[in-house]
């Protein structure tokens, strides 16, 4: 998708970021949409809204933050003996999409 439709990929990341912000800002308003996506009666709408504001919930979509958390988790897994050494993360996170979909939009709004 990235090579064939880079604009669409950037827009997807931007919309994903916008959805994450909306979940944090308006969990009760977003819950009905999540309920509909899940197919209805699986989980109560109030439960979804509560889950969004739980301290256990984290809606992070900035690859820099995700990479740092991933590195910490991998270091812990090495400590536990799951890996002899942490696998390389090179190529796993593409900051360019976040720049196109989120950062550049924020800069345009500021102008």
N, C-alpha and C. Protein backbone atom coordinates (compact mmCIF):
# COMPACT_ATOMS: atom_id res chain seq x y z
N UNK A 1 0.82 -1.19 0.00
CA UNK A 1 0.00 0.00 0.00
C UNK A 1 0.86 1.25 0.00
N UNK A 2 1.93 1.23 0.77
CA UNK A 2 2.78 2.41 0.89
C UNK A 2 3.40 2.79 -0.44
N UNK A 3 3.90 1.80 -1.18
CA UNK A 3 4.53 2.11 -2.46
C UNK A 3 3.51 2.47 -3.53
N UNK A 4 2.38 1.80 -3.54
CA UNK A 4 1.38 2.03 -4.57
C UNK A 4 0.55 3.28 -4.33
N UNK A 5 0.20 3.52 -3.08
CA UNK A 5 -0.66 4.66 -2.74
C UNK A 5 -0.13 5.39 -1.50
N UNK A 6 0.98 6.09 -1.61
CA UNK A 6 1.56 6.75 -0.43
C UNK A 6 0.63 7.78 0.20
N UNK A 7 -0.16 8.49 -0.63
CA UNK A 7 -1.08 9.48 -0.08
C UNK A 7 -2.16 8.80 0.77
N UNK A 8 -2.66 7.68 0.27
CA UNK A 8 -3.69 6.94 1.01
C UNK A 8 -3.12 6.40 2.32
N UNK A 9 -1.90 5.92 2.29
CA UNK A 9 -1.27 5.39 3.50
C UNK A 9 -1.10 6.51 4.53
N UNK A 10 -0.64 7.67 4.09
CA UNK A 10 -0.50 8.81 4.99
C UNK A 10 -1.83 9.26 5.55
N UNK A 11 -2.85 9.26 4.71
CA UNK A 11 -4.19 9.65 5.17
C UNK A 11 -4.73 8.64 6.19
N UNK A 12 -4.49 7.35 5.95
CA UNK A 12 -4.92 6.32 6.89
C UNK A 12 -4.29 6.57 8.26
N UNK A 13 -2.98 6.83 8.28
CA UNK A 13 -2.30 7.08 9.55
C UNK A 13 -2.87 8.33 10.22
N UNK A 14 -3.14 9.37 9.43
CA UNK A 14 -3.74 10.58 9.98
C UNK A 14 -5.11 10.33 10.59
N UNK A 15 -5.92 9.54 9.91
CA UNK A 15 -7.26 9.23 10.43
C UNK A 15 -7.18 8.33 11.67
N UNK A 16 -6.23 7.42 11.68
CA UNK A 16 -6.02 6.57 12.85
C UNK A 16 -5.64 7.42 14.06
N UNK A 17 -4.77 8.40 13.83
CA UNK A 17 -4.36 9.32 14.90
C UNK A 17 -5.56 10.13 15.39
N UNK A 18 -6.35 10.62 14.45
CA UNK A 18 -7.54 11.41 14.80
C UNK A 18 -8.51 10.56 15.64
N UNK A 19 -8.70 9.31 15.26
CA UNK A 19 -9.58 8.41 16.02
C UNK A 19 -9.04 8.20 17.43
N UNK A 20 -7.73 8.03 17.55
CA UNK A 20 -7.13 7.84 18.88
C UNK A 20 -7.34 9.07 19.76
N UNK A 21 -7.18 10.25 19.18
CA UNK A 21 -7.41 11.49 19.93
C UNK A 21 -8.88 11.59 20.37
N UNK A 22 -9.76 11.21 19.50
CA UNK A 22 -11.19 11.29 19.81
C UNK A 22 -11.56 10.30 20.92
N UNK A 23 -10.97 9.12 20.89
CA UNK A 23 -11.22 8.15 21.96
C UNK A 23 -10.81 8.74 23.31
N UNK A 24 -9.64 9.38 23.35
CA UNK A 24 -9.18 9.99 24.60
C UNK A 24 -10.08 11.15 25.04
N UNK A 25 -10.52 11.96 24.08
CA UNK A 25 -11.29 13.17 24.40
C UNK A 25 -12.76 12.90 24.67
N UNK A 26 -13.35 11.96 23.93
CA UNK A 26 -14.79 11.73 24.01
C UNK A 26 -15.14 10.23 24.02
N UNK A 27 -14.69 9.51 25.04
CA UNK A 27 -14.90 8.06 25.04
C UNK A 27 -16.37 7.65 24.94
N UNK A 28 -17.25 8.36 25.60
CA UNK A 28 -18.68 7.98 25.56
C UNK A 28 -19.28 8.18 24.18
N UNK A 29 -18.81 9.19 23.44
CA UNK A 29 -19.33 9.43 22.09
C UNK A 29 -18.79 8.41 21.09
N UNK A 30 -17.60 7.89 21.35
CA UNK A 30 -16.97 6.94 20.43
C UNK A 30 -17.47 5.52 20.66
N UNK A 31 -17.84 5.20 21.88
CA UNK A 31 -18.25 3.84 22.24
C UNK A 31 -19.31 3.24 21.32
N UNK A 32 -20.35 3.98 20.90
CA UNK A 32 -21.35 3.37 20.01
C UNK A 32 -20.76 2.93 18.66
N UNK A 33 -19.77 3.67 18.17
CA UNK A 33 -19.15 3.29 16.89
C UNK A 33 -18.34 2.01 17.04
N UNK A 34 -17.64 1.88 18.16
CA UNK A 34 -16.88 0.66 18.42
C UNK A 34 -17.83 -0.51 18.60
N UNK A 35 -18.92 -0.28 19.31
CA UNK A 35 -19.92 -1.32 19.51
C UNK A 35 -20.46 -1.81 18.16
N UNK A 36 -20.75 -0.88 17.27
CA UNK A 36 -21.25 -1.25 15.94
C UNK A 36 -20.21 -2.05 15.16
N UNK A 37 -18.94 -1.65 15.28
CA UNK A 37 -17.87 -2.37 14.57
C UNK A 37 -17.70 -3.78 15.12
N UNK A 38 -17.94 -3.95 16.41
CA UNK A 38 -17.82 -5.28 17.02
C UNK A 38 -19.01 -6.17 16.69
N UNK A 39 -20.07 -5.59 16.20
CA UNK A 39 -21.20 -6.41 15.79
C UNK A 39 -22.36 -6.41 16.75
N UNK A 40 -22.39 -5.49 17.68
CA UNK A 40 -23.60 -5.35 18.49
C UNK A 40 -23.52 -5.83 19.91
N UNK A 41 -24.04 -7.01 20.19
CA UNK A 41 -24.29 -7.45 21.56
C UNK A 41 -23.10 -8.11 22.26
N UNK A 42 -21.93 -8.00 21.70
CA UNK A 42 -20.77 -8.66 22.28
C UNK A 42 -20.39 -8.06 23.64
N UNK A 43 -20.35 -6.74 23.70
CA UNK A 43 -19.95 -6.02 24.91
C UNK A 43 -20.91 -4.84 25.08
N UNK A 44 -21.23 -4.51 26.30
CA UNK A 44 -22.11 -3.37 26.55
C UNK A 44 -21.40 -2.06 26.21
N UNK A 45 -22.15 -1.12 25.68
CA UNK A 45 -21.59 0.18 25.31
C UNK A 45 -20.92 0.86 26.50
N UNK A 46 -21.54 0.77 27.67
CA UNK A 46 -20.97 1.39 28.87
C UNK A 46 -19.62 0.75 29.23
N UNK A 47 -19.49 -0.54 29.00
CA UNK A 47 -18.22 -1.23 29.27
C UNK A 47 -17.13 -0.73 28.34
N UNK A 48 -17.47 -0.52 27.08
CA UNK A 48 -16.50 0.01 26.12
C UNK A 48 -16.06 1.40 26.55
N UNK A 49 -17.00 2.26 26.90
CA UNK A 49 -16.66 3.62 27.33
C UNK A 49 -15.76 3.61 28.57
N UNK A 50 -16.05 2.71 29.53
CA UNK A 50 -15.22 2.60 30.73
C UNK A 50 -13.82 2.10 30.38
N UNK A 51 -13.75 1.17 29.45
CA UNK A 51 -12.45 0.63 29.05
C UNK A 51 -11.56 1.71 28.44
N UNK A 52 -12.17 2.62 27.70
CA UNK A 52 -11.40 3.70 27.08
C UNK A 52 -10.73 4.61 28.10
N UNK A 53 -11.33 4.79 29.26
CA UNK A 53 -10.76 5.69 30.27
C UNK A 53 -9.99 4.94 31.36
N UNK A 54 -9.88 3.65 31.23
CA UNK A 54 -9.14 2.84 32.19
C UNK A 54 -7.66 3.23 32.18
N UNK A 55 -7.02 3.22 33.35
CA UNK A 55 -5.57 3.50 33.37
C UNK A 55 -4.77 2.45 32.59
N UNK A 56 -5.36 1.29 32.36
CA UNK A 56 -4.68 0.24 31.60
C UNK A 56 -4.71 0.50 30.10
N UNK A 57 -5.60 1.38 29.66
CA UNK A 57 -5.73 1.66 28.22
C UNK A 57 -4.73 2.73 27.80
N UNK A 58 -4.13 2.51 26.66
CA UNK A 58 -3.18 3.47 26.12
C UNK A 58 -3.36 3.52 24.61
N UNK A 59 -3.65 4.68 24.11
CA UNK A 59 -3.87 4.84 22.68
C UNK A 59 -2.74 5.68 22.11
N UNK A 60 -1.64 5.02 21.84
CA UNK A 60 -0.44 5.67 21.33
C UNK A 60 -0.26 5.25 19.89
N UNK A 61 -0.03 6.20 19.00
CA UNK A 61 0.19 5.84 17.61
C UNK A 61 1.40 6.53 17.00
N UNK A 62 2.19 7.20 17.82
CA UNK A 62 3.44 7.80 17.35
C UNK A 62 4.51 6.72 17.38
N UNK A 63 5.10 6.45 16.23
CA UNK A 63 6.06 5.35 16.13
C UNK A 63 7.27 5.54 17.04
N UNK A 64 7.63 6.78 17.36
CA UNK A 64 8.75 7.02 18.27
C UNK A 64 8.41 6.49 19.66
N UNK A 65 7.21 6.77 20.13
CA UNK A 65 6.77 6.28 21.44
C UNK A 65 6.59 4.76 21.43
N UNK A 66 6.05 4.24 20.36
CA UNK A 66 5.84 2.79 20.26
C UNK A 66 7.18 2.07 20.23
N UNK A 67 8.13 2.62 19.50
CA UNK A 67 9.45 2.00 19.42
C UNK A 67 10.11 1.95 20.79
N UNK A 68 10.04 3.05 21.54
CA UNK A 68 10.65 3.09 22.88
C UNK A 68 10.03 2.03 23.79
N UNK A 69 8.71 1.90 23.74
CA UNK A 69 8.03 0.89 24.56
C UNK A 69 8.40 -0.52 24.11
N UNK A 70 8.52 -0.71 22.80
CA UNK A 70 8.90 -2.02 22.26
C UNK A 70 10.31 -2.39 22.69
N UNK A 71 11.23 -1.43 22.65
CA UNK A 71 12.60 -1.68 23.09
C UNK A 71 12.63 -2.07 24.57
N UNK A 72 11.83 -1.38 25.39
CA UNK A 72 11.78 -1.71 26.82
C UNK A 72 11.22 -3.12 27.04
N UNK A 73 10.18 -3.47 26.30
CA UNK A 73 9.60 -4.80 26.43
C UNK A 73 10.59 -5.87 25.98
N UNK A 74 11.29 -5.63 24.88
CA UNK A 74 12.26 -6.61 24.40
C UNK A 74 13.42 -6.77 25.39
N UNK A 75 13.86 -5.68 26.00
CA UNK A 75 14.93 -5.76 27.00
C UNK A 75 14.47 -6.62 28.18
N UNK A 76 13.23 -6.45 28.57
CA UNK A 76 12.67 -7.26 29.66
C UNK A 76 12.59 -8.73 29.25
N UNK A 77 12.22 -9.00 28.01
CA UNK A 77 12.14 -10.38 27.54
C UNK A 77 13.53 -11.02 27.48
N UNK A 78 14.56 -10.24 27.17
CA UNK A 78 15.93 -10.76 27.22
C UNK A 78 16.27 -11.11 28.66
N UNK A 79 15.90 -10.22 29.58
CA UNK A 79 16.14 -10.45 31.01
C UNK A 79 15.46 -11.73 31.49
N UNK A 80 14.26 -12.00 30.97
CA UNK A 80 13.52 -13.21 31.34
C UNK A 80 14.09 -14.47 30.68
N UNK A 81 14.91 -14.28 29.66
CA UNK A 81 15.46 -15.42 28.94
C UNK A 81 14.68 -15.83 27.71
N UNK A 82 13.71 -15.01 27.30
CA UNK A 82 12.93 -15.32 26.10
C UNK A 82 13.78 -15.23 24.84
N UNK A 83 14.75 -14.34 24.84
CA UNK A 83 15.65 -14.14 23.69
C UNK A 83 17.08 -14.04 24.22
N UNK A 84 18.06 -14.55 23.46
CA UNK A 84 19.45 -14.34 23.88
C UNK A 84 19.83 -12.86 23.75
N UNK A 85 19.25 -12.20 22.76
CA UNK A 85 19.41 -10.75 22.60
C UNK A 85 18.15 -10.23 21.91
N UNK A 86 17.88 -8.95 22.11
CA UNK A 86 16.67 -8.37 21.53
C UNK A 86 16.79 -8.34 20.01
N UNK A 87 15.72 -8.71 19.31
CA UNK A 87 15.75 -8.62 17.85
C UNK A 87 15.84 -7.16 17.41
N UNK A 88 16.43 -6.95 16.26
CA UNK A 88 16.56 -5.60 15.71
C UNK A 88 15.19 -5.06 15.30
N UNK A 89 14.99 -3.79 15.51
CA UNK A 89 13.73 -3.15 15.14
C UNK A 89 13.86 -2.33 13.86
N UNK A 90 15.03 -2.37 13.25
CA UNK A 90 15.24 -1.60 12.02
C UNK A 90 14.23 -2.01 10.97
N UNK A 91 13.58 -1.02 10.39
CA UNK A 91 12.60 -1.27 9.34
C UNK A 91 11.21 -1.60 9.85
N UNK A 92 11.06 -1.77 11.16
CA UNK A 92 9.75 -2.13 11.70
C UNK A 92 8.83 -0.92 11.82
N UNK A 93 9.39 0.22 12.14
CA UNK A 93 8.60 1.44 12.31
C UNK A 93 8.95 2.45 11.23
N UNK A 94 7.94 2.96 10.57
CA UNK A 94 8.14 3.91 9.47
C UNK A 94 7.64 5.28 9.92
N UNK A 95 8.53 6.11 10.36
CA UNK A 95 8.18 7.44 10.86
C UNK A 95 7.64 8.33 9.74
N UNK A 96 8.00 8.05 8.51
CA UNK A 96 7.57 8.89 7.39
C UNK A 96 6.05 8.97 7.29
N UNK A 97 5.36 7.87 7.50
CA UNK A 97 3.90 7.88 7.43
C UNK A 97 3.29 8.78 8.51
N UNK A 98 3.85 8.73 9.70
CA UNK A 98 3.36 9.58 10.78
C UNK A 98 3.61 11.04 10.45
N UNK A 99 4.76 11.32 9.87
CA UNK A 99 5.09 12.69 9.46
C UNK A 99 4.08 13.21 8.45
N UNK A 100 3.74 12.39 7.46
CA UNK A 100 2.80 12.79 6.42
C UNK A 100 1.38 12.90 6.98
N UNK A 101 0.96 11.91 7.73
CA UNK A 101 -0.43 11.85 8.17
C UNK A 101 -0.77 12.70 9.37
N UNK A 102 0.23 13.01 10.21
CA UNK A 102 -0.08 13.72 11.45
C UNK A 102 0.71 15.01 11.59
N UNK A 103 2.03 14.92 11.57
CA UNK A 103 2.87 16.08 11.84
C UNK A 103 2.67 17.18 10.81
N UNK A 104 2.64 16.82 9.53
CA UNK A 104 2.49 17.85 8.50
C UNK A 104 1.13 18.53 8.60
N UNK A 105 0.10 17.81 9.00
CA UNK A 105 -1.23 18.42 9.18
C UNK A 105 -1.21 19.42 10.32
N UNK A 106 -0.52 19.07 11.41
CA UNK A 106 -0.43 19.99 12.54
C UNK A 106 0.31 21.26 12.14
N UNK A 107 1.35 21.10 11.34
CA UNK A 107 2.12 22.26 10.90
C UNK A 107 1.27 23.15 9.99
N UNK A 108 0.49 22.54 9.10
CA UNK A 108 -0.37 23.33 8.21
C UNK A 108 -1.42 24.09 9.00
N UNK A 109 -1.96 23.46 10.03
CA UNK A 109 -2.98 24.14 10.86
C UNK A 109 -2.38 25.32 11.60
N UNK A 110 -1.12 25.20 12.00
CA UNK A 110 -0.47 26.26 12.77
C UNK A 110 -0.17 27.49 11.91
N UNK A 111 -0.09 27.29 10.60
CA UNK A 111 0.24 28.43 9.73
C UNK A 111 -0.89 29.37 9.53
